[in-house]
Amino acid sequence: MMDRPVTMANIKPIGDNGWAGLNLTGNGHDMRAATNGNVYHGLPITGFQATDFVKSDTGSVVAYYGGVNRHRIARSCSNGAGLCS
């Protein structure tokens, strides 16, 4: 098996909370037009954030907390006949 080159980049965070913004539109990454004429721009992406917390005091009580959050997204769509639906 051949090793593929790895592309790495530093992504500047947005604000102080570790958010990052990725722009996956442009560069000819347009989906094919749907039957209703909608054309979505950019690359499809999926993901989530999983968080796990363990709280323990010096006694015998231990608490486990967790959560899952979807990534926030914005879409770009165009349609020559009007608004995308």
PDB file of N, CA and C in Angstrom:
ATOM      1  N   MET A   1       0.849  -1.170   0.000  1.00  0.00           N
ATOM      2  CA  MET A   1       0.000   0.000   0.000  1.00  0.00           C
ATOM      3  C   MET A   1       0.899   1.238   0.000  1.00  0.00           C
ATOM      4  N   MET A   2       0.535   2.217  -0.826  1.00  0.00           N
ATOM      5  CA  MET A   2       1.322   3.440  -0.917  1.00  0.00           C
ATOM      6  C   MET A   2       0.809   4.465   0.081  1.00  0.00           C
ATOM      7  N   ASP A   3       1.745   5.172   0.694  1.00  0.00           N
ATOM      8  CA  ASP A   3       1.358   6.256   1.598  1.00  0.00           C
ATOM      9  C   ASP A   3       0.966   7.472   0.774  1.00  0.00           C
ATOM     10  N   ARG A   4      -0.117   8.118   1.163  1.00  0.00           N
ATOM     11  CA  ARG A   4      -0.542   9.342   0.498  1.00  0.00           C
ATOM     12  C   ARG A   4       0.045  10.530   1.226  1.00  0.00           C
ATOM     13  N   PRO A   5       0.362  11.596   0.488  1.00  0.00           N
ATOM     14  CA  PRO A   5       0.878  12.794   1.172  1.00  0.00           C
ATOM     15  C   PRO A   5      -0.213  13.408   2.044  1.00  0.00           C
ATOM     16  N   VAL A   6       0.184  13.938   3.156  1.00  0.00           N
ATOM     17  CA  VAL A   6      -0.751  14.554   4.095  1.00  0.00           C
ATOM     18  C   VAL A   6      -0.667  16.059   3.935  1.00  0.00           C
ATOM     19  N   THR A   7      -1.809  16.693   3.749  1.00  0.00           N
ATOM     20  CA  THR A   7      -1.865  18.142   3.659  1.00  0.00           C
ATOM     21  C   THR A   7      -2.346  18.676   4.995  1.00  0.00           C
ATOM     22  N   MET A   8      -1.586  19.586   5.558  1.00  0.00           N
ATOM     23  CA  MET A   8      -1.958  20.159   6.848  1.00  0.00           C
ATOM     24  C   MET A   8      -1.993  21.672   6.727  1.00  0.00           C
ATOM     25  N   ALA A   9      -2.859  22.297   7.508  1.00  0.00           N
ATOM     26  CA  ALA A   9      -2.961  23.749   7.522  1.00  0.00           C
ATOM     27  C   ALA A   9      -3.357  24.199   8.916  1.00  0.00           C
ATOM     28  N   ASN A  10      -2.885  25.352   9.293  1.00  0.00           N
ATOM     29  CA  ASN A  10      -3.317  25.961  10.544  1.00  0.00           C
ATOM     30  C   ASN A  10      -4.590  26.742  10.266  1.00  0.00           C
ATOM     31  N   ILE A  11      -5.621  26.494  11.037  1.00  0.00           N
ATOM     32  CA  ILE A  11      -6.898  27.181  10.869  1.00  0.00           C
ATOM     33  C   ILE A  11      -7.043  28.156  12.026  1.00  0.00           C
ATOM     34  N   LYS A  12      -7.203  29.418  11.688  1.00  0.00           N
ATOM     35  CA  LYS A  12      -7.326  30.450  12.711  1.00  0.00           C
ATOM     36  C   LYS A  12      -8.669  30.312  13.429  1.00  0.00           C
ATOM     37  N   PRO A  13      -8.665  30.209  14.762  1.00  0.00           N
ATOM     38  CA  PRO A  13      -9.928  30.089  15.507  1.00  0.00           C
ATOM     39  C   PRO A  13     -10.755  31.362  15.403  1.00  0.00           C
ATOM     40  N   ILE A  14     -12.061  31.199  15.575  1.00  0.00           N
ATOM     41  CA  ILE A  14     -12.986  32.333  15.600  1.00  0.00           C
ATOM     42  C   ILE A  14     -13.295  32.605  17.068  1.00  0.00           C
ATOM     43  N   GLY A  15     -12.912  33.746  17.574  1.00  0.00           N
ATOM     44  CA  GLY A  15     -13.172  34.099  18.965  1.00  0.00           C
ATOM     45  C   GLY A  15     -12.250  33.350  19.923  1.00  0.00           C
ATOM     46  N   ASP A  16     -12.697  33.236  21.173  1.00  0.00           N
ATOM     47  CA  ASP A  16     -11.877  32.653  22.231  1.00  0.00           C
ATOM     48  C   ASP A  16     -12.284  31.244  22.623  1.00  0.00           C
ATOM     49  N   ASN A  17     -13.279  30.652  21.964  1.00  0.00           N
ATOM     50  CA  ASN A  17     -13.816  29.376  22.407  1.00  0.00           C
ATOM     51  C   ASN A  17     -13.421  28.193  21.539  1.00  0.00           C
ATOM     52  N   GLY A  18     -12.444  28.356  20.659  1.00  0.00           N
ATOM     53  CA  GLY A  18     -11.981  27.235  19.858  1.00  0.00           C
ATOM     54  C   GLY A  18     -12.788  26.956  18.609  1.00  0.00           C
ATOM     55  N   TRP A  19     -13.694  27.856  18.235  1.00  0.00           N
ATOM     56  CA  TRP A  19     -14.473  27.667  17.014  1.00  0.00           C
ATOM     57  C   TRP A  19     -13.562  27.841  15.808  1.00  0.00           C
ATOM     58  N   ALA A  20     -13.897  27.148  14.736  1.00  0.00           N
ATOM     59  CA  ALA A  20     -13.169  27.302  13.479  1.00  0.00           C
ATOM     60  C   ALA A  20     -14.180  27.432  12.348  1.00  0.00           C
ATOM     61  N   GLY A  21     -13.797  28.157  11.313  1.00  0.00           N
ATOM     62  CA  GLY A  21     -14.671  28.321  10.160  1.00  0.00           C
ATOM     63  C   GLY A  21     -14.009  27.742   8.922  1.00  0.00           C
ATOM     64  N   LEU A  22     -14.700  26.872   8.237  1.00  0.00           N
ATOM     65  CA  LEU A  22     -14.191  26.290   6.999  1.00  0.00           C
ATOM     66  C   LEU A  22     -15.115  26.705   5.864  1.00  0.00           C
ATOM     67  N   ASN A  23     -14.557  27.280   4.817  1.00  0.00           N
ATOM     68  CA  ASN A  23     -15.335  27.669   3.652  1.00  0.00           C
ATOM     69  C   ASN A  23     -15.117  26.619   2.581  1.00  0.00           C
ATOM     70  N   LEU A  24     -16.127  25.813   2.303  1.00  0.00           N
ATOM     71  CA  LEU A  24     -16.015  24.733   1.329  1.00  0.00           C
ATOM     72  C   LEU A  24     -16.766  25.048   0.049  1.00  0.00           C
ATOM     73  N   THR A  25     -17.012  26.343  -0.200  1.00  0.00           N
ATOM     74  CA  THR A  25     -17.661  26.746  -1.441  1.00  0.00           C
ATOM     75  C   THR A  25     -16.616  27.292  -2.402  1.00  0.00           C
ATOM     76  N   GLY A  26     -17.010  27.434  -3.634  1.00  0.00           N
ATOM     77  CA  GLY A  26     -16.102  27.960  -4.651  1.00  0.00           C
ATOM     78  C   GLY A  26     -15.255  26.860  -5.279  1.00  0.00           C
ATOM     79  N   ASN A  27     -14.302  27.238  -6.056  1.00  0.00           N
ATOM     80  CA  ASN A  27     -13.398  26.310  -6.736  1.00  0.00           C
ATOM     81  C   ASN A  27     -14.134  25.279  -7.578  1.00  0.00           C
ATOM     82  N   GLY A  28     -15.293  25.638  -8.104  1.00  0.00           N
ATOM     83  CA  GLY A  28     -16.023  24.727  -8.981  1.00  0.00           C
ATOM     84  C   GLY A  28     -16.717  23.577  -8.285  1.00  0.00           C
ATOM     85  N   HIS A  29     -16.854  23.631  -6.970  1.00  0.00           N
ATOM     86  CA  HIS A  29     -17.511  22.551  -6.230  1.00  0.00           C
ATOM     87  C   HIS A  29     -19.010  22.804  -6.166  1.00  0.00           C
ATOM     88  N   ASP A  30     -19.661  22.666  -7.304  1.00  0.00           N
ATOM     89  CA  ASP A  30     -21.105  22.824  -7.363  1.00  0.00           C
ATOM     90  C   ASP A  30     -21.734  21.467  -7.648  1.00  0.00           C
ATOM     91  N   MET A  31     -22.829  21.177  -6.970  1.00  0.00           N
ATOM     92  CA  MET A  31     -23.550  19.934  -7.220  1.00  0.00           C
ATOM     93  C   MET A  31     -24.314  20.072  -8.541  1.00  0.00           C
ATOM     94  N   ARG A  32     -24.682  18.949  -9.110  1.00  0.00           N
ATOM     95  CA  ARG A  32     -25.504  18.988 -10.318  1.00  0.00           C
ATOM     96  C   ARG A  32     -26.885  19.539  -9.977  1.00  0.00           C
ATOM     97  N   ALA A  33     -27.493  20.170 -10.941  1.00  0.00           N
ATOM     98  CA  ALA A  33     -28.817  20.756 -10.715  1.00  0.00           C
ATOM     99  C   ALA A  33     -29.836  19.649 -10.455  1.00  0.00           C
ATOM    100  N   ALA A  34     -30.681  19.879  -9.460  1.00  0.00           N
ATOM    101  CA  ALA A  34     -31.775  18.949  -9.162  1.00  0.00           C
ATOM    102  C   ALA A  34     -32.872  19.129 -10.209  1.00  0.00           C
ATOM    103  N   THR A  35     -33.863  18.268 -10.182  1.00  0.00           N
ATOM    104  CA  THR A  35     -34.954  18.347 -11.160  1.00  0.00           C
ATOM    105  C   THR A  35     -35.732  19.652 -11.046  1.00  0.00           C
ATOM    106  N   ASN A  36     -35.716  20.292  -9.869  1.00  0.00           N
ATOM    107  CA  ASN A  36     -36.405  21.575  -9.697  1.00  0.00           C
ATOM    108  C   ASN A  36     -35.496  22.767 -10.005  1.00  0.00           C
ATOM    109  N   GLY A  37     -34.248  22.513 -10.437  1.00  0.00           N
ATOM    110  CA  GLY A  37     -33.322  23.581 -10.811  1.00  0.00           C
ATOM    111  C   GLY A  37     -32.402  24.048  -9.710  1.00  0.00           C
ATOM    112  N   ASN A  38     -32.563  23.558  -8.480  1.00  0.00           N
ATOM    113  CA  ASN A  38     -31.687  23.962  -7.380  1.00  0.00           C
ATOM    114  C   ASN A  38     -30.268  23.464  -7.618  1.00  0.00           C
ATOM    115  N   VAL A  39     -29.294  24.352  -7.415  1.00  0.00           N
ATOM    116  CA  VAL A  39     -27.881  23.986  -7.487  1.00  0.00           C
ATOM    117  C   VAL A  39     -27.252  24.371  -6.146  1.00  0.00           C
ATOM    118  N   TYR A  40     -26.741  23.378  -5.417  1.00  0.00           N
ATOM    119  CA  TYR A  40     -26.072  23.633  -4.143  1.00  0.00           C
ATOM    120  C   TYR A  40     -24.584  23.807  -4.404  1.00  0.00           C
ATOM    121  N   HIS A  41     -23.989  24.786  -3.736  1.00  0.00           N
ATOM    122  CA  HIS A  41     -22.592  25.133  -3.946  1.00  0.00           C
ATOM    123  C   HIS A  41     -21.764  24.693  -2.745  1.00  0.00           C
ATOM    124  N   GLY A  42     -20.602  24.140  -3.013  1.00  0.00           N
ATOM    125  CA  GLY A  42     -19.702  23.709  -1.955  1.00  0.00           C
ATOM    126  C   GLY A  42     -19.665  22.200  -1.842  1.00  0.00           C
ATOM    127  N   LEU A  43     -18.887  21.717  -0.906  1.00  0.00           N
ATOM    128  CA  LEU A  43     -18.720  20.291  -0.676  1.00  0.00           C
ATOM    129  C   LEU A  43     -19.603  19.831   0.474  1.00  0.00           C
ATOM    130  N   PRO A  44     -20.231  18.662   0.356  1.00  0.00           N
ATOM    131  CA  PRO A  44     -21.010  18.153   1.485  1.00  0.00           C
ATOM    132  C   PRO A  44     -20.067  17.723   2.613  1.00  0.00           C
ATOM    133  N   ILE A  45     -20.512  17.932   3.828  1.00  0.00           N
ATOM    134  CA  ILE A  45     -19.675  17.584   4.983  1.00  0.00           C
ATOM    135  C   ILE A  45     -20.601  17.190   6.131  1.00  0.00           C
ATOM    136  N   THR A  46     -20.118  16.321   6.970  1.00  0.00           N
ATOM    137  CA  THR A  46     -20.876  15.934   8.147  1.00  0.00           C
ATOM    138  C   THR A  46     -19.919  15.845   9.329  1.00  0.00           C
ATOM    139  N   GLY A  47     -20.439  15.943  10.510  1.00  0.00           N
ATOM    140  CA  GLY A  47     -19.581  15.847  11.686  1.00  0.00           C
ATOM    141  C   GLY A  47     -20.346  16.163  12.953  1.00  0.00           C
ATOM    142  N   PHE A  48     -19.676  15.960  14.067  1.00  0.00           N
ATOM    143  CA  PHE A  48     -20.277  16.255  15.362  1.00  0.00           C
ATOM    144  C   PHE A  48     -19.164  16.427  16.382  1.00  0.00           C
ATOM    145  N   GLN A  49     -19.529  16.942  17.534  1.00  0.00           N
ATOM    146  CA  GLN A  49     -18.615  17.097  18.657  1.00  0.00           C
ATOM    147  C   GLN A  49     -19.145  16.246  19.795  1.00  0.00           C
ATOM    148  N   ALA A  50     -18.310  15.394  20.348  1.00  0.00           N
ATOM    149  CA  ALA A  50     -18.696  14.587  21.506  1.00  0.00           C
ATOM    150  C   ALA A  50     -17.871  15.044  22.706  1.00  0.00           C
ATOM    151  N   THR A  51     -18.532  15.223  23.834  1.00  0.00           N
ATOM    152  CA  THR A  51     -17.869  15.691  25.043  1.00  0.00           C
ATOM    153  C   THR A  51     -18.176  14.733  26.180  1.00  0.00           C
ATOM    154  N   ASP A  52     -17.166  14.449  26.970  1.00  0.00           N
ATOM    155  CA  ASP A  52     -17.316  13.545  28.106  1.00  0.00           C
ATOM    156  C   ASP A  52     -16.670  14.198  29.328  1.00  0.00           C
ATOM    157  N   PHE A  53     -17.406  14.294  30.423  1.00  0.00           N
ATOM    158  CA  PHE A  53     -16.898  14.875  31.660  1.00  0.00           C
ATOM    159  C   PHE A  53     -17.044  13.857  32.783  1.00  0.00           C
ATOM    160  N   VAL A  54     -16.050  13.801  33.630  1.00  0.00           N
ATOM    161  CA  VAL A  54     -16.113  12.965  34.831  1.00  0.00           C
ATOM    162  C   VAL A  54     -15.856  13.873  36.023  1.00  0.00           C
ATOM    163  N   LYS A  55     -16.785  13.856  36.974  1.00  0.00           N
ATOM    164  CA  LYS A  55     -16.635  14.674  38.177  1.00  0.00           C
ATOM    165  C   LYS A  55     -16.546  13.750  39.373  1.00  0.00           C
ATOM    166  N   SER A  56     -15.500  13.934  40.129  1.00  0.00           N
ATOM    167  CA  SER A  56     -15.308  13.087  41.299  1.00  0.00           C
ATOM    168  C   SER A  56     -14.818  13.945  42.453  1.00  0.00           C
ATOM    169  N   ASP A  57     -15.367  13.720  43.612  1.00  0.00           N
ATOM    170  CA  ASP A  57     -14.809  14.374  44.788  1.00  0.00           C
ATOM    171  C   ASP A  57     -13.943  13.354  45.518  1.00  0.00           C
ATOM    172  N   THR A  58     -13.454  13.684  46.645  1.00  0.00           N
ATOM    173  CA  THR A  58     -12.578  12.760  47.370  1.00  0.00           C
ATOM    174  C   THR A  58     -13.335  11.614  48.011  1.00  0.00           C
ATOM    175  N   GLY A  59     -14.661  11.695  47.984  1.00  0.00           N
ATOM    176  CA  GLY A  59     -15.481  10.632  48.555  1.00  0.00           C
ATOM    177  C   GLY A  59     -15.732   9.532  47.531  1.00  0.00           C
ATOM    178  N   SER A  60     -16.829   8.827  47.704  1.00  0.00           N
ATOM    179  CA  SER A  60     -17.135   7.693  46.840  1.00  0.00           C
ATOM    180  C   SER A  60     -18.111   8.046  45.718  1.00  0.00           C
ATOM    181  N   VAL A  61     -18.457   9.331  45.564  1.00  0.00           N
ATOM    182  CA  VAL A  61     -19.422   9.742  44.544  1.00  0.00           C
ATOM    183  C   VAL A  61     -18.681  10.154  43.272  1.00  0.00           C
ATOM    184  N   VAL A  62     -19.072   9.535  42.169  1.00  0.00           N
ATOM    185  CA  VAL A  62     -18.521   9.896  40.864  1.00  0.00           C
ATOM    186  C   VAL A  62     -19.689  10.187  39.935  1.00  0.00           C
ATOM    187  N   ALA A  63     -19.595  11.271  39.174  1.00  0.00           N
ATOM    188  CA  ALA A  63     -20.660  11.636  38.234  1.00  0.00           C
ATOM    189  C   ALA A  63     -20.088  11.671  36.822  1.00  0.00           C
ATOM    190  N   TYR A  64     -20.812  11.118  35.888  1.00  0.00           N
ATOM    191  CA  TYR A  64     -20.415  11.115  34.483  1.00  0.00           C
ATOM    192  C   TYR A  64     -21.422  11.938  33.690  1.00  0.00           C
ATOM    193  N   TYR A  65     -20.924  12.840  32.887  1.00  0.00           N
ATOM    194  CA  TYR A  65     -21.760  13.672  32.033  1.00  0.00           C
ATOM    195  C   TYR A  65     -21.245  13.568  30.611  1.00  0.00           C
ATOM    196  N   GLY A  66     -22.127  13.666  29.657  1.00  0.00           N
ATOM    197  CA  GLY A  66     -21.712  13.639  28.260  1.00  0.00           C
ATOM    198  C   GLY A  66     -22.706  14.380  27.394  1.00  0.00           C
ATOM    199  N   GLY A  67     -22.272  14.697  26.205  1.00  0.00           N
ATOM    200  CA  GLY A  67     -23.166  15.379  25.281  1.00  0.00           C
ATOM    201  C   GLY A  67     -22.637  15.276  23.858  1.00  0.00           C
ATOM    202  N   VAL A  68     -23.537  15.421  22.910  1.00  0.00           N
ATOM    203  CA  VAL A  68     -23.184  15.404  21.490  1.00  0.00           C
ATOM    204  C   VAL A  68     -23.852  16.614  20.847  1.00  0.00           C
ATOM    205  N   ASN A  69     -23.093  17.350  20.043  1.00  0.00           N
ATOM    206  CA  ASN A  69     -23.619  18.518  19.340  1.00  0.00           C
ATOM    207  C   ASN A  69     -23.301  18.404  17.857  1.00  0.00           C
ATOM    208  N   ARG A  70     -24.283  18.744  17.025  1.00  0.00           N
ATOM    209  CA  ARG A  70     -24.029  18.802  15.587  1.00  0.00           C
ATOM    210  C   ARG A  70     -23.182  20.027  15.279  1.00  0.00           C
ATOM    211  N   HIS A  71     -22.427  19.955  14.192  1.00  0.00           N
ATOM    212  CA  HIS A  71     -21.721  21.145  13.728  1.00  0.00           C
ATOM    213  C   HIS A  71     -22.734  22.125  13.163  1.00  0.00           C
ATOM    214  N   ARG A  72     -22.450  23.377  13.284  1.00  0.00           N
ATOM    215  CA  ARG A  72     -23.318  24.409  12.706  1.00  0.00           C
ATOM    216  C   ARG A  72     -22.928  24.578  11.239  1.00  0.00           C
ATOM    217  N   ILE A  73     -23.941  24.790  10.406  1.00  0.00           N
ATOM    218  CA  ILE A  73     -23.674  24.864   8.973  1.00  0.00           C
ATOM    219  C   ILE A  73     -24.398  26.037   8.342  1.00  0.00           C
ATOM    220  N   ALA A  74     -23.933  26.428   7.184  1.00  0.00           N
ATOM    221  CA  ALA A  74     -24.619  27.373   6.317  1.00  0.00           C
ATOM    222  C   ALA A  74     -24.530  26.822   4.907  1.00  0.00           C
ATOM    223  N   ARG A  75     -25.591  26.977   4.148  1.00  0.00           N
ATOM    224  CA  ARG A  75     -25.626  26.444   2.791  1.00  0.00           C
ATOM    225  C   ARG A  75     -25.766  27.574   1.788  1.00  0.00           C
ATOM    226  N   SER A  76     -25.336  27.294   0.576  1.00  0.00           N
ATOM    227  CA  SER A  76     -25.499  28.225  -0.517  1.00  0.00           C
ATOM    228  C   SER A  76     -26.201  27.511  -1.655  1.00  0.00           C
ATOM    229  N   CYS A  77     -27.281  28.080  -2.135  1.00  0.00           N
ATOM    230  CA  CYS A  77     -28.073  27.449  -3.186  1.00  0.00           C
ATOM    231  C   CYS A  77     -28.515  28.509  -4.178  1.00  0.00           C
ATOM    232  N   SER A  78     -28.554  28.152  -5.440  1.00  0.00           N
ATOM    233  CA  SER A  78     -29.068  29.082  -6.446  1.00  0.00           C
ATOM    234  C   SER A  78     -30.024  28.329  -7.373  1.00  0.00           C
ATOM    235  N   ASN A  79     -30.933  29.089  -7.954  1.00  0.00           N
ATOM    236  CA  ASN A  79     -31.911  28.521  -8.876  1.00  0.00           C
ATOM    237  C   ASN A  79     -32.246  29.613  -9.877  1.00  0.00           C
ATOM    238  N   GLY A  80     -32.034  29.331 -11.153  1.00  0.00           N
ATOM    239  CA  GLY A  80     -32.278  30.327 -12.186  1.00  0.00           C
ATOM    240  C   GLY A  80     -33.731  30.781 -12.252  1.00  0.00           C
ATOM    241  N   ALA A  81     -34.665  29.961 -11.757  1.00  0.00           N
ATOM    242  CA  ALA A  81     -36.083  30.299 -11.822  1.00  0.00           C
ATOM    243  C   ALA A  81     -36.568  31.044 -10.589  1.00  0.00           C
ATOM    244  N   GLY A  82     -35.728  31.260  -9.609  1.00  0.00           N
ATOM    245  CA  GLY A  82     -36.163  31.951  -8.397  1.00  0.00           C
ATOM    246  C   GLY A  82     -35.449  31.427  -7.168  1.00  0.00           C
ATOM    247  N   LEU A  83     -36.145  31.424  -6.031  1.00  0.00           N
ATOM    248  CA  LEU A  83     -35.562  30.986  -4.769  1.00  0.00           C
ATOM    249  C   LEU A  83     -35.443  29.464  -4.707  1.00  0.00           C
ATOM    250  N   CYS A  84     -34.425  28.996  -3.997  1.00  0.00           N
ATOM    251  CA  CYS A  84     -34.287  27.558  -3.759  1.00  0.00           C
ATOM    252  C   CYS A  84     -35.355  27.123  -2.766  1.00  0.00           C
ATOM    253  N   SER A  85     -35.838  25.913  -2.938  1.00  0.00           N
ATOM    254  CA  SER A  85     -36.853  25.407  -2.014  1.00  0.00           C
ATOM    255  C   SER A  85     -36.363  24.153  -1.333  1.00  0.00           C
TER     256      SER A  85
END
